[in-house]
Amino acid sequence: MLLLRVDLAELKIKKENIPSEYRLFSGRALTSRIISDEVSGTCHPLGPFNKLVIANGLLAGTPVSSASRISIGAKSPLTSGIKESNGGGNTAYKMARLGIRAIILEGETKTKSNWYILYINKEGAKLIDGSYLENKGTYDKTDALHEQYGKNIGIILIGPAGEQLSITAGITNTDIEGNPSRYCGRGGLGAVMGSKRILAIVLDDAGTSPVKPVETDNFKYLLKKYTALIRSTPQTAEGFPKYGTAGMMEITNTIGALPTRNFSTGTFEGAAKINGQALYDTITERGGEGASTHACMPGCIIRCSNRYPDKDGKILVSPLEYETIAMLGSNCDIDDLDVIAKLNYICNDYGIDTIEFGCTIGVLMEKGIMAFGDTKEIVKVAEEMQKGSYLGKIIGAGSIIAGQVFGVTRVPAVKGQGMPAYDPRSVKGLGVTYSTSPMGADHTAGNTVRLNIKHHLKDNQVEISKNAQLGATLFDSLGICIMVGAAVKDKNLLAGLISSHTGLACSEDILIEIALSTLTTEKKFNNSAGITSVHDRLPEFFYTEVNPSNGVAFDIFDQDL
């Protein structure tokens, strides 16, 4: 596997061998290590000295289920600290078949009038004029690229939000059907890609050979054990395939953790209309192009994704996930899956993070810019965002800036990033994660909600969060979906797969050390960027306002962390 370095100032591309100290680094570990080694913490996130790093995992391209996630890292324009966001799709898989571990976009083009496509195939890589794609939504961009290069490609791309350097812009990846639906949405990394004048990266693996393990027999033996665990664990064999992430709503609504009307309470009266069962029933009843279970990447056997159809059975959006349903649903007092799906589609096409969008709309509703539950107005505002109106620009700047513009103090965000769909007063371990993670408010950085613990109590929540953050970093650094963790508890099994595939010595201790060093590296980068322990806290209202659903406030204070 190689590193592909793209110098935008000189419009030159070169392949590099992976440094020996990086050999077991992949995914988040690799993106964060390269950013830490090569980027100054004081640089402007959208300036020439920031870099965008795209990396796959050590097992990408293999038959290992759920092991082809893509990690994208940079200094974030939203948090001003280090950021890694990962997603599914077919891009990490195709990168592996092309022999690439990571792509590094660096420098700044000498002219701001041109846009580029980075095209990669088995012969090499080249920059191609992509100006004809400017201002197109992600769906039209994808259609145009498929028409030019064929359907059997992987595409990493930005929408108009990234072109406009919106600090909440995401980067999307095509799924196995070629739809631009798998978002690395958090942290504004789409704006960083836009600042590099790259609209799309096309991965054409035609004519490449399958990725093969070094020790075939042992790899097959361990793969069989790994697969059997996933197929025999109820959560990964039944729960996730049927309800996907939307099954989480039953849990959060029950324990008072479902954000409702800008985190003013933790239970939603309309939850039964938008929860996992409602989603499953709607998709099943409508049929057509819909699918209640769907693999987001090649070879995934968990299949927790979905394809949501309209009333005529035509695909409306894919996937419709818990975070999006909650932040555009209960958080905005909306109990209509069709409206939520339409908003999801608009955000995807524009190329903006649905979590941040839902957070920001909640802030606007808090101010009275629009009423909670006003479905027509929220769709109108989302469409304004696409048109680039002044209000649309404010929304695209995220919840913190929207709160500052309109004088709202109840803004659910940490380190500049809007809070995902879990009220931290009711899931205090996750509240600690929100507070202390280098990523800001990020549920994927160390989610504790599925643990069988008393989430409302503060006891041991710091240690629980620490372990959850370590586990999440480990999976992120392997390019393996965190859903696998419900079935595969033995880290030595993961280490064995890596050893037999790569020929490199690996163990549970080595994997834990990589995860620890990654968190340490990220913290050090943030410190150099001016983000310190002073910023490791939730918004004030979570400490001063009790959650009406259960009568608890967040009571883990700075000195406890």
Protein backbone atom coordinates (compact mmCIF):
# COMPACT_ATOMS: atom_id res chain seq x y z
CA MET A 1 0.00 0.00 0.00
CA LEU A 2 1.16 3.53 -0.84
CA LEU A 3 0.48 7.14 0.09
CA LEU A 4 -0.70 9.38 -2.76
CA ARG A 5 0.36 13.00 -2.23
CA VAL A 6 -1.38 15.69 -4.31
CA ASP A 7 0.35 19.09 -4.39
CA LEU A 8 -2.33 21.57 -5.48
CA ALA A 9 0.09 24.51 -5.69
CA GLU A 10 2.18 22.78 -8.35
CA LEU A 11 -0.59 20.47 -9.62
CA LYS A 12 1.72 17.50 -9.12
CA ILE A 13 1.03 14.02 -7.80
CA LYS A 14 3.52 11.55 -6.37
CA LYS A 15 3.37 8.13 -4.78
CA GLU A 16 5.26 7.49 -1.56
CA ASN A 17 6.02 4.40 0.45
CA ILE A 18 4.36 4.29 3.84
CA PRO A 19 6.94 5.25 6.50
CA SER A 20 7.88 2.34 8.74
CA GLU A 21 6.42 4.05 11.81
CA TYR A 22 3.04 4.22 10.03
CA ARG A 23 2.85 0.57 8.94
CA LEU A 24 0.13 -0.44 11.42
CA PHE A 25 -1.59 2.93 11.24
CA SER A 26 -4.74 3.22 9.18
CA GLY A 27 -8.09 4.99 9.31
CA ARG A 28 -8.31 7.61 12.05
CA ALA A 29 -4.90 6.74 13.49
CA LEU A 30 -3.28 7.53 10.15
CA THR A 31 -5.24 10.69 9.33
CA SER A 32 -4.62 12.15 12.77
CA ARG A 33 -0.95 11.18 12.76
CA ILE A 34 -0.31 12.79 9.35
CA ILE A 35 -2.22 15.94 10.32
CA SER A 36 -0.30 16.16 13.59
CA ASP A 37 3.07 15.60 11.89
CA GLU A 38 2.52 17.86 8.88
CA VAL A 39 0.02 20.58 9.83
CA SER A 40 0.49 23.46 12.26
CA GLY A 41 -2.20 23.80 14.90
CA THR A 42 -2.23 27.55 14.29
CA CYS A 43 -2.91 27.40 10.54
CA HIS A 44 -6.17 28.63 9.03
CA PRO A 45 -8.36 25.58 8.35
CA LEU A 46 -9.22 26.86 4.87
CA GLY A 47 -5.76 28.17 4.05
CA PRO A 48 -2.82 26.69 2.15
CA PHE A 49 -1.15 25.09 5.17
CA ASN A 50 -3.98 22.77 6.16
CA LYS A 51 -4.15 19.32 4.58
CA LEU A 52 -6.97 16.89 3.89
CA VAL A 53 -6.08 13.25 4.50
CA ILE A 54 -8.26 10.38 3.28
CA ALA A 55 -7.38 6.90 4.57
CA ASN A 56 -8.82 3.41 4.54
CA GLY A 57 -8.29 0.62 7.06
CA LEU A 58 -5.77 -2.20 7.24
CA LEU A 59 -8.43 -4.74 6.20
CA ALA A 60 -10.07 -2.62 3.47
CA GLY A 61 -10.77 -4.50 0.27
CA THR A 62 -10.84 -7.89 2.01
CA PRO A 63 -13.88 -10.13 2.67
CA VAL A 64 -13.90 -8.99 6.33
CA SER A 65 -17.41 -7.64 6.89
CA SER A 66 -17.75 -3.94 7.70
CA ALA A 67 -13.99 -3.31 7.42
CA SER A 68 -13.98 -0.88 4.49
CA ARG A 69 -14.90 2.40 6.14
CA ILE A 70 -13.23 5.58 4.92
CA SER A 71 -11.65 8.10 7.32
CA ILE A 72 -11.15 11.75 6.40
CA GLY A 73 -9.12 14.11 8.57
CA ALA A 74 -7.96 17.72 8.69
CA LYS A 75 -7.91 20.74 10.95
CA SER A 76 -11.60 21.54 11.23
CA PRO A 77 -13.02 24.93 10.23
CA LEU A 78 -15.92 24.24 12.61
CA THR A 79 -14.04 23.26 15.78
CA SER A 80 -10.62 24.79 14.93
CA GLY A 81 -9.12 21.54 16.19
CA ILE A 82 -8.20 18.20 14.68
CA LYS A 83 -11.06 16.31 13.10
CA GLU A 84 -11.69 12.82 11.77
CA SER A 85 -14.99 11.84 10.22
CA ASN A 86 -15.63 8.39 8.77
CA GLY A 87 -18.27 6.76 6.63
CA GLY A 88 -19.19 3.70 4.64
CA GLY A 89 -19.53 3.28 0.90
CA ASN A 90 -17.36 1.71 -1.78
CA THR A 91 -14.46 4.18 -1.77
CA ALA A 92 -12.19 2.64 0.88
CA TYR A 93 -12.62 -0.74 -0.80
CA LYS A 94 -11.62 0.63 -4.20
CA MET A 95 -8.67 2.56 -2.75
CA ALA A 96 -7.36 -0.73 -1.37
CA ARG A 97 -7.69 -2.46 -4.73
CA LEU A 98 -5.73 0.44 -6.24
CA GLY A 99 -2.97 -0.13 -3.67
CA ILE A 100 -3.55 3.14 -1.83
CA ARG A 101 -3.64 3.48 1.95
CA ALA A 102 -4.08 7.27 2.04
CA ILE A 103 -4.54 10.32 -0.18
CA ILE A 104 -3.10 13.63 1.01
CA LEU A 105 -4.38 16.89 -0.50
CA GLU A 106 -2.03 19.75 0.31
CA GLY A 107 -1.23 23.30 -0.74
CA GLU A 108 -3.41 25.78 -2.55
CA THR A 109 -4.02 26.28 -6.25
CA LYS A 110 -2.52 29.42 -7.77
CA THR A 111 -5.82 30.31 -9.38
CA LYS A 112 -9.26 30.29 -7.79
CA SER A 113 -11.11 30.00 -11.09
CA ASN A 114 -10.57 26.30 -11.76
CA TRP A 115 -12.05 23.22 -10.13
CA TYR A 116 -10.48 19.78 -10.40
CA ILE A 117 -11.34 16.11 -10.40
CA LEU A 118 -8.67 13.77 -9.04
CA TYR A 119 -8.92 10.65 -11.20
CA ILE A 120 -7.16 7.47 -10.04
CA ASN A 121 -6.93 4.14 -11.84
CA LYS A 122 -4.45 1.27 -12.05
CA GLU A 123 -2.20 3.30 -14.37
CA GLY A 124 -1.81 6.19 -11.92
CA ALA A 125 -3.47 9.46 -10.95
CA LYS A 126 -4.13 12.77 -12.68
CA LEU A 127 -5.91 16.06 -12.14
CA ILE A 128 -8.66 16.79 -14.66
CA ASP A 129 -10.64 19.98 -15.17
CA GLY A 130 -13.91 19.64 -13.26
CA SER A 131 -15.31 23.15 -13.65
CA TYR A 132 -18.32 21.79 -15.51
CA LEU A 133 -19.50 20.27 -12.21
CA GLU A 134 -19.46 23.57 -10.30
CA ASN A 135 -22.68 24.44 -8.44
CA LYS A 136 -24.25 21.05 -9.16
CA GLY A 137 -25.75 19.11 -6.28
CA THR A 138 -24.12 15.87 -5.23
CA TYR A 139 -26.68 13.75 -7.10
CA ASP A 140 -26.20 15.59 -10.40
CA LYS A 141 -22.42 15.56 -9.93
CA THR A 142 -22.51 11.81 -9.42
CA ASP A 143 -24.70 11.25 -12.48
CA ALA A 144 -22.30 13.31 -14.61
CA LEU A 145 -19.27 11.39 -13.36
CA HIS A 146 -20.98 8.05 -13.93
CA GLU A 147 -21.81 9.12 -17.46
CA GLN A 148 -18.17 10.02 -18.07
CA TYR A 149 -16.39 7.17 -16.26
CA GLY A 150 -18.99 4.42 -15.95
CA LYS A 151 -21.01 3.13 -13.01
CA ASN A 152 -18.34 0.85 -11.53
CA ILE A 153 -16.35 3.61 -9.84
CA GLY A 154 -16.10 5.00 -6.35
CA ILE A 155 -16.55 8.73 -5.87
CA ILE A 156 -15.57 10.99 -2.97
CA LEU A 157 -17.17 14.39 -3.53
CA ILE A 158 -18.51 17.65 -2.16
CA GLY A 159 -21.70 19.56 -2.90
CA PRO A 160 -22.27 23.31 -3.31
CA ALA A 161 -21.81 23.77 0.46
CA GLY A 162 -18.21 22.61 0.17
CA GLU A 163 -17.63 24.80 -2.88
CA GLN A 164 -18.92 27.80 -0.91
CA LEU A 165 -16.63 26.88 2.01
CA SER A 166 -19.54 26.43 4.39
CA ILE A 167 -17.98 25.32 7.67
CA THR A 168 -20.63 22.63 8.16
CA ALA A 169 -20.09 21.06 4.72
CA GLY A 170 -19.51 17.32 4.59
CA ILE A 171 -17.87 14.94 2.15
CA THR A 172 -19.93 12.14 0.67
CA ASN A 173 -18.98 8.74 -0.72
CA THR A 174 -20.85 6.56 -3.16
CA ASP A 175 -22.45 3.39 -1.86
CA ILE A 176 -22.36 0.02 -3.59
CA GLU A 177 -25.12 1.11 -6.00
CA GLY A 178 -23.27 4.31 -6.82
CA ASN A 179 -25.49 6.70 -4.85
CA PRO A 180 -23.68 9.60 -3.09
CA SER A 181 -25.15 8.69 0.27
CA ARG A 182 -22.39 7.78 2.72
CA TYR A 183 -21.37 10.97 4.47
CA CYS A 184 -18.28 11.93 6.39
CA GLY A 185 -20.46 14.73 7.62
CA ARG A 186 -19.01 16.21 10.77
CA GLY A 187 -16.55 19.04 11.30
CA GLY A 188 -16.84 20.94 8.02
CA LEU A 189 -14.31 18.82 6.15
CA GLY A 190 -16.17 19.46 2.90
CA ALA A 191 -15.05 23.07 3.15
CA VAL A 192 -11.43 21.95 3.46
CA MET A 193 -11.81 19.85 0.31
CA GLY A 194 -13.42 22.86 -1.37
CA SER A 195 -10.52 25.07 -0.32
CA LYS A 196 -8.25 22.68 -2.23
CA ARG A 197 -10.43 23.20 -5.34
CA ILE A 198 -11.15 19.47 -5.58
CA LEU A 199 -14.79 18.72 -6.41
CA ALA A 200 -14.46 14.96 -6.66
CA ILE A 201 -12.05 12.07 -6.39
CA VAL A 202 -12.85 9.26 -8.83
CA LEU A 203 -11.56 5.79 -7.93
CA ASP A 204 -11.59 3.51 -10.96
CA ASP A 205 -10.42 0.02 -9.97
CA ALA A 206 -11.17 -1.63 -13.33
CA GLY A 207 -8.57 -4.26 -14.13
CA THR A 208 -7.16 -4.44 -10.61
CA SER A 209 -6.66 -7.67 -8.71
CA PRO A 210 -8.43 -8.63 -5.48
CA VAL A 211 -6.69 -7.73 -2.23
CA LYS A 212 -5.06 -10.93 -0.94
CA PRO A 213 -3.82 -11.86 2.54
CA VAL A 214 -0.21 -12.85 3.22
CA GLU A 215 -1.21 -15.92 5.25
CA THR A 216 -4.25 -17.26 3.41
CA ASP A 217 -5.13 -20.29 5.55
CA ASN A 218 -4.97 -18.52 8.91
CA PHE A 219 -6.81 -15.51 7.50
CA LYS A 220 -9.65 -17.74 6.27
CA TYR A 221 -9.83 -19.52 9.63
CA LEU A 222 -10.05 -16.25 11.59
CA LEU A 223 -12.47 -14.74 9.08
CA LYS A 224 -14.81 -17.69 9.62
CA LYS A 225 -14.77 -17.08 13.40
CA TYR A 226 -15.34 -13.34 12.91
CA THR A 227 -18.27 -13.91 10.54
CA ALA A 228 -19.85 -16.51 12.83
CA LEU A 229 -19.83 -14.06 15.74
CA ILE A 230 -21.67 -11.44 13.70
CA ARG A 231 -24.22 -13.96 12.43
CA SER A 232 -24.88 -15.39 15.91
CA THR A 233 -25.19 -12.17 17.92
CA PRO A 234 -28.83 -10.97 18.09
CA GLN A 235 -27.93 -7.30 17.78
CA THR A 236 -25.89 -7.71 14.58
CA ALA A 237 -27.89 -10.61 13.15
CA GLU A 238 -31.41 -9.33 13.85
CA GLY A 239 -31.71 -5.89 15.46
CA PHE A 240 -29.41 -3.83 13.25
CA PRO A 241 -30.54 -5.45 9.98
CA LYS A 242 -34.23 -4.86 10.75
CA TYR A 243 -34.26 -1.44 12.39
CA GLY A 244 -30.82 -0.03 11.64
CA THR A 245 -29.67 2.88 13.78
CA ALA A 246 -33.30 4.08 14.06
CA GLY A 247 -33.85 1.34 16.63
CA MET A 248 -31.97 3.62 19.02
CA MET A 249 -35.00 5.92 19.36
CA GLU A 250 -36.90 3.44 21.50
CA ILE A 251 -33.99 3.48 23.95
CA THR A 252 -33.38 7.23 24.06
CA ASN A 253 -37.06 8.12 24.33
CA THR A 254 -37.50 5.63 27.19
CA ILE A 255 -34.60 6.99 29.26
CA GLY A 256 -35.34 10.64 28.52
CA ALA A 257 -32.38 11.20 26.21
CA LEU A 258 -34.19 11.98 22.93
CA PRO A 259 -33.53 15.66 22.06
CA THR A 260 -36.89 17.37 21.78
CA ARG A 261 -37.54 21.02 20.89
CA ASN A 262 -33.92 22.12 21.12
CA PHE A 263 -33.02 19.85 24.04
CA SER A 264 -35.78 21.29 26.23
CA THR A 265 -36.89 17.78 27.19
CA GLY A 266 -35.87 14.18 26.52
CA THR A 267 -39.11 12.48 25.49
CA PHE A 268 -41.08 13.15 22.33
CA GLU A 269 -44.84 12.72 22.03
CA GLY A 270 -44.52 11.75 18.36
CA ALA A 271 -41.70 9.23 18.77
CA ALA A 272 -43.87 6.28 17.75
CA LYS A 273 -44.41 7.89 14.34
CA ILE A 274 -40.69 8.16 13.54
CA ASN A 275 -38.93 5.39 15.48
CA GLY A 276 -37.32 2.24 14.14
CA GLN A 277 -40.57 0.29 14.00
CA ALA A 278 -42.35 3.11 12.15
CA LEU A 279 -39.46 3.36 9.70
CA TYR A 280 -39.45 -0.40 9.08
CA ASP A 281 -43.23 -0.52 8.65
CA THR A 282 -43.29 2.44 6.24
CA ILE A 283 -40.52 1.05 4.04
CA THR A 284 -42.05 -2.44 4.02
CA GLU A 285 -45.57 -1.22 3.23
CA ARG A 286 -44.46 1.05 0.39
CA GLY A 287 -42.16 -1.50 -1.23
CA GLY A 288 -40.93 -0.45 -4.66
CA GLU A 289 -37.35 0.78 -4.56
CA GLY A 290 -37.35 0.86 -0.77
CA ALA A 291 -35.34 -1.54 1.36
CA SER A 292 -35.47 -1.88 5.14
CA THR A 293 -32.05 -3.55 5.17
CA HIS A 294 -29.15 -2.55 2.98
CA ALA A 295 -25.36 -2.90 2.91
CA CYS A 296 -23.54 0.41 2.74
CA MET A 297 -20.22 -1.14 1.72
CA PRO A 298 -19.07 -4.21 -0.23
CA GLY A 299 -19.41 -7.43 1.75
CA CYS A 300 -21.20 -6.06 4.81
CA ILE A 301 -23.37 -8.75 6.40
CA ILE A 302 -24.84 -6.54 9.15
CA ARG A 303 -26.74 -4.41 6.60
CA CYS A 304 -27.96 -1.72 9.01
CA SER A 305 -28.58 0.83 6.24
CA ASN A 306 -31.88 1.38 4.42
CA ARG A 307 -33.45 2.92 1.32
CA TYR A 308 -36.45 5.11 2.12
CA PRO A 309 -39.12 5.33 -0.61
CA ASP A 310 -41.81 7.92 -1.20
CA LYS A 311 -45.51 7.03 -1.30
CA ASP A 312 -45.13 5.82 -4.90
CA GLY A 313 -42.26 3.49 -4.01
CA LYS A 314 -39.59 5.67 -5.62
CA ILE A 315 -36.37 6.09 -3.65
CA LEU A 316 -36.45 9.37 -1.73
CA VAL A 317 -33.25 9.13 0.29
CA SER A 318 -30.77 6.55 1.50
CA PRO A 319 -30.09 6.02 4.32
CA LEU A 320 -32.45 7.54 6.89
CA GLU A 321 -30.49 7.23 10.14
CA TYR A 322 -31.32 7.75 13.82
CA GLU A 323 -29.22 10.91 14.18
CA THR A 324 -30.93 12.56 11.23
CA ILE A 325 -34.41 11.40 12.25
CA ALA A 326 -33.96 12.75 15.77
CA MET A 327 -32.23 16.04 14.96
CA LEU A 328 -34.61 16.90 12.10
CA GLY A 329 -37.55 15.24 13.83
CA SER A 330 -38.01 15.39 17.60
CA ASN A 331 -35.48 18.20 18.04
CA CYS A 332 -37.59 20.34 15.68
CA ASP A 333 -40.95 18.91 16.87
CA ILE A 334 -41.58 17.09 13.59
CA ASP A 335 -43.16 13.62 13.55
CA ASP A 336 -43.45 13.06 9.79
CA LEU A 337 -40.90 10.67 8.26
CA ASP A 338 -41.57 11.98 4.75
CA VAL A 339 -40.70 15.54 5.77
CA ILE A 340 -37.58 14.34 7.57
CA ALA A 341 -36.55 12.30 4.51
CA LYS A 342 -37.06 15.31 2.24
CA LEU A 343 -34.89 17.47 4.50
CA ASN A 344 -32.30 14.69 4.54
CA TYR A 345 -32.28 14.68 0.73
CA ILE A 346 -31.88 18.47 0.56
CA CYS A 347 -28.96 18.38 3.01
CA ASN A 348 -27.32 15.50 1.14
CA ASP A 349 -27.68 17.22 -2.22
CA TYR A 350 -26.34 20.52 -0.90
CA GLY A 351 -23.60 18.62 0.92
CA ILE A 352 -24.18 19.66 4.51
CA ASP A 353 -24.17 17.79 7.82
CA THR A 354 -27.71 16.82 8.88
CA ILE A 355 -26.81 16.79 12.59
CA GLU A 356 -25.47 20.34 12.50
CA PHE A 357 -28.41 21.45 10.35
CA GLY A 358 -30.91 20.02 12.84
CA CYS A 359 -29.05 21.62 15.74
CA THR A 360 -29.04 24.98 13.99
CA ILE A 361 -32.73 24.82 13.08
CA GLY A 362 -33.49 24.03 16.73
CA VAL A 363 -31.65 27.21 17.72
CA LEU A 364 -33.64 29.26 15.18
CA MET A 365 -36.88 27.77 16.49
CA GLU A 366 -35.82 28.59 20.04
CA LYS A 367 -35.48 32.22 18.94
CA GLY A 368 -38.84 32.19 17.18
CA ILE A 369 -37.45 32.64 13.67
CA MET A 370 -39.83 29.80 12.87
CA ALA A 371 -42.19 27.80 15.05
CA PHE A 372 -41.38 24.36 16.39
CA GLY A 373 -43.14 21.81 14.21
CA ASP A 374 -43.60 24.15 11.23
CA THR A 375 -42.79 21.65 8.49
CA LYS A 376 -43.46 24.01 5.58
CA GLU A 377 -41.16 26.69 6.95
CA ILE A 378 -38.29 24.34 7.71
CA VAL A 379 -38.39 22.94 4.17
CA LYS A 380 -38.51 26.50 2.81
CA VAL A 381 -35.50 27.48 4.91
CA ALA A 382 -33.59 24.38 3.79
CA GLU A 383 -34.24 25.32 0.18
CA GLU A 384 -33.11 28.91 0.93
CA MET A 385 -29.85 27.45 2.17
CA GLN A 386 -29.38 25.83 -1.23
CA LYS A 387 -30.01 29.19 -2.91
CA GLY A 388 -27.42 30.96 -0.76
CA SER A 389 -29.67 33.54 0.93
CA TYR A 390 -28.39 35.44 3.97
CA LEU A 391 -30.40 33.23 6.32
CA GLY A 392 -29.16 30.21 4.39
CA LYS A 393 -25.56 31.34 4.89
CA ILE A 394 -26.14 31.68 8.64
CA ILE A 395 -27.63 28.18 8.81
CA GLY A 396 -24.67 26.85 6.84
CA ALA A 397 -22.33 28.37 9.41
CA GLY A 398 -23.68 26.11 12.14
CA SER A 399 -25.40 26.31 15.50
CA ILE A 400 -22.80 28.37 17.38
CA ILE A 401 -22.75 31.19 14.83
CA ALA A 402 -26.54 31.09 14.44
CA GLY A 403 -26.83 31.46 18.21
CA GLN A 404 -24.45 34.41 18.21
CA VAL A 405 -26.27 36.13 15.33
CA PHE A 406 -29.70 35.77 16.93
CA GLY A 407 -28.71 36.09 20.59
CA VAL A 408 -29.59 32.56 21.68
CA THR A 409 -27.75 31.21 24.73
CA ARG A 410 -29.23 27.69 24.72
CA VAL A 411 -26.99 26.37 21.95
CA PRO A 412 -26.24 22.62 22.24
CA ALA A 413 -22.65 22.50 20.98
CA VAL A 414 -19.17 21.65 22.28
CA LYS A 415 -15.95 23.00 20.79
CA GLY A 416 -17.98 24.64 18.05
CA GLN A 417 -19.75 21.48 16.92
CA GLY A 418 -23.48 20.85 17.29
CA MET A 419 -24.57 18.09 19.61
CA PRO A 420 -25.84 14.75 18.24
CA ALA A 421 -29.11 13.11 19.21
CA TYR A 422 -28.52 12.21 22.87
CA ASP A 423 -29.29 14.52 25.78
CA PRO A 424 -26.14 14.37 27.96
CA ARG A 425 -28.13 14.88 31.16
CA SER A 426 -29.72 11.48 30.61
CA VAL A 427 -26.65 9.68 29.22
CA LYS A 428 -23.91 11.11 31.41
CA GLY A 429 -21.12 8.90 30.09
CA LEU A 430 -21.77 10.27 26.63
CA GLY A 431 -21.89 13.75 28.14
CA VAL A 432 -18.33 13.18 29.34
CA THR A 433 -17.42 12.08 25.81
CA TYR A 434 -18.97 15.24 24.35
CA SER A 435 -16.98 17.31 26.85
CA THR A 436 -13.58 15.67 26.58
CA SER A 437 -13.27 14.16 23.11
CA PRO A 438 -10.79 15.93 20.81
CA MET A 439 -13.60 15.83 18.22
CA GLY A 440 -16.08 17.99 20.12
CA ALA A 441 -19.70 16.87 20.53
CA ASP A 442 -19.54 13.57 18.67
CA HIS A 443 -21.53 10.45 19.54
CA THR A 444 -19.21 8.21 17.50
CA ALA A 445 -16.24 9.27 19.64
CA GLY A 446 -17.37 7.09 22.55
CA ASN A 447 -21.05 6.26 22.89
CA THR A 448 -22.15 4.71 26.19
CA VAL A 449 -25.91 4.53 25.66
CA ARG A 450 -26.10 0.77 24.94
CA LEU A 451 -24.26 -0.17 28.12
CA ASN A 452 -26.32 -1.76 30.88
CA ILE A 453 -25.67 0.96 33.44
CA LYS A 454 -27.61 3.68 35.28
CA HIS A 455 -27.11 6.45 32.75
CA HIS A 456 -28.65 9.19 34.95
CA LEU A 457 -26.12 8.77 37.75
CA LYS A 458 -22.65 10.33 37.71
CA ASP A 459 -20.91 7.35 39.35
CA ASN A 460 -17.97 6.00 37.29
CA GLN A 461 -19.13 7.83 34.15
CA VAL A 462 -15.71 9.39 33.53
CA GLU A 463 -14.05 5.97 33.47
CA ILE A 464 -16.90 4.53 31.39
CA SER A 465 -16.49 7.32 28.84
CA LYS A 466 -12.73 6.85 28.78
CA ASN A 467 -13.11 3.18 27.90
CA ALA A 468 -15.77 3.95 25.30
CA GLN A 469 -13.55 6.59 23.67
CA LEU A 470 -10.65 4.16 23.58
CA GLY A 471 -12.80 1.48 21.97
CA ALA A 472 -14.24 3.86 19.39
CA THR A 473 -10.79 5.13 18.47
CA LEU A 474 -9.57 1.55 18.05
CA PHE A 475 -12.35 0.67 15.60
CA ASP A 476 -12.01 4.01 13.77
CA SER A 477 -8.29 3.37 13.43
CA LEU A 478 -8.90 -0.02 11.80
CA GLY A 479 -11.55 1.22 9.37
CA ILE A 480 -14.04 -1.19 10.95
CA CYS A 481 -17.64 -0.19 11.62
CA ILE A 482 -18.35 0.28 15.32
CA MET A 483 -21.46 -1.92 14.90
CA VAL A 484 -19.10 -4.91 14.75
CA GLY A 485 -18.16 -4.22 18.37
CA ALA A 486 -21.52 -5.58 19.50
CA ALA A 487 -20.45 -9.03 18.30
CA VAL A 488 -16.65 -9.10 18.22
CA LYS A 489 -15.33 -8.42 21.72
CA ASP A 490 -12.00 -10.21 21.33
CA LYS A 491 -9.43 -7.68 20.11
CA ASN A 492 -6.93 -10.49 19.59
CA LEU A 493 -9.22 -11.82 16.86
CA LEU A 494 -8.97 -8.45 15.10
CA ALA A 495 -5.21 -8.42 15.66
CA GLY A 496 -4.95 -11.93 14.21
CA LEU A 497 -6.83 -10.91 11.07
CA ILE A 498 -4.48 -7.96 10.65
CA SER A 499 -1.36 -10.08 11.19
CA SER A 500 -2.44 -12.79 8.77
CA HIS A 501 -3.48 -10.22 6.17
CA THR A 502 -0.47 -7.88 6.36
CA GLY A 503 2.27 -10.17 7.65
CA LEU A 504 2.99 -7.62 10.41
CA ALA A 505 3.09 -8.55 14.08
CA CYS A 506 -0.04 -7.35 15.84
CA SER A 507 -1.76 -7.99 19.16
CA GLU A 508 -4.51 -6.60 21.37
CA ASP A 509 -1.89 -4.61 23.30
CA ILE A 510 -0.56 -3.07 20.09
CA LEU A 511 -4.06 -2.08 18.97
CA ILE A 512 -4.80 -0.47 22.33
CA GLU A 513 -1.49 1.38 22.22
CA ILE A 514 -2.31 2.73 18.75
CA ALA A 515 -5.70 3.93 20.00
CA LEU A 516 -4.16 5.57 23.07
CA SER A 517 -1.43 7.24 21.05
CA THR A 518 -4.04 8.51 18.58
CA LEU A 519 -6.06 10.18 21.34
CA THR A 520 -2.87 11.66 22.80
CA THR A 521 -1.78 12.94 19.39
CA GLU A 522 -5.18 14.56 18.83
CA LYS A 523 -5.15 16.22 22.25
CA LYS A 524 -1.67 17.61 21.65
CA PHE A 525 -2.70 19.02 18.28
CA ASN A 526 -5.72 20.69 19.85
CA ASN A 527 -3.55 22.18 22.58
CA SER A 528 -1.30 23.67 19.90
CA ALA A 529 -4.43 25.10 18.26
CA GLY A 530 -5.47 26.78 21.51
CA ILE A 531 -8.06 24.19 22.55
CA THR A 532 -7.38 23.12 26.14
CA SER A 533 -9.15 21.62 29.14
CA VAL A 534 -11.00 24.93 29.52
CA HIS A 535 -13.04 23.87 26.49
CA ASP A 536 -13.82 20.43 27.94
CA ARG A 537 -17.32 21.27 29.13
CA LEU A 538 -20.93 21.24 28.04
CA PRO A 539 -23.05 24.35 27.44
CA GLU A 540 -24.11 25.94 30.71
CA PHE A 541 -27.81 25.17 30.44
CA PHE A 542 -27.20 21.43 30.77
CA TYR A 543 -25.83 22.09 34.28
CA THR A 544 -28.51 24.59 35.34
CA GLU A 545 -31.67 23.14 33.75
CA VAL A 546 -33.04 19.76 34.76
CA ASN A 547 -34.36 17.51 32.02
CA PRO A 548 -38.16 17.46 32.61
CA SER A 549 -38.29 13.83 31.47
CA ASN A 550 -36.41 12.56 34.52
CA GLY A 551 -35.56 15.54 36.72
CA VAL A 552 -31.79 15.32 36.26
CA ALA A 553 -29.17 17.88 35.28
CA PHE A 554 -25.60 17.23 34.18
CA ASP A 555 -23.54 17.15 37.38
CA ILE A 556 -20.09 16.02 36.28
CA PHE A 557 -18.04 19.17 36.66
CA ASP A 558 -14.67 20.34 35.39
CA GLN A 559 -12.79 19.05 38.43
CA ASP A 560 -14.28 15.57 37.89
CA LEU A 561 -12.95 15.20 34.35
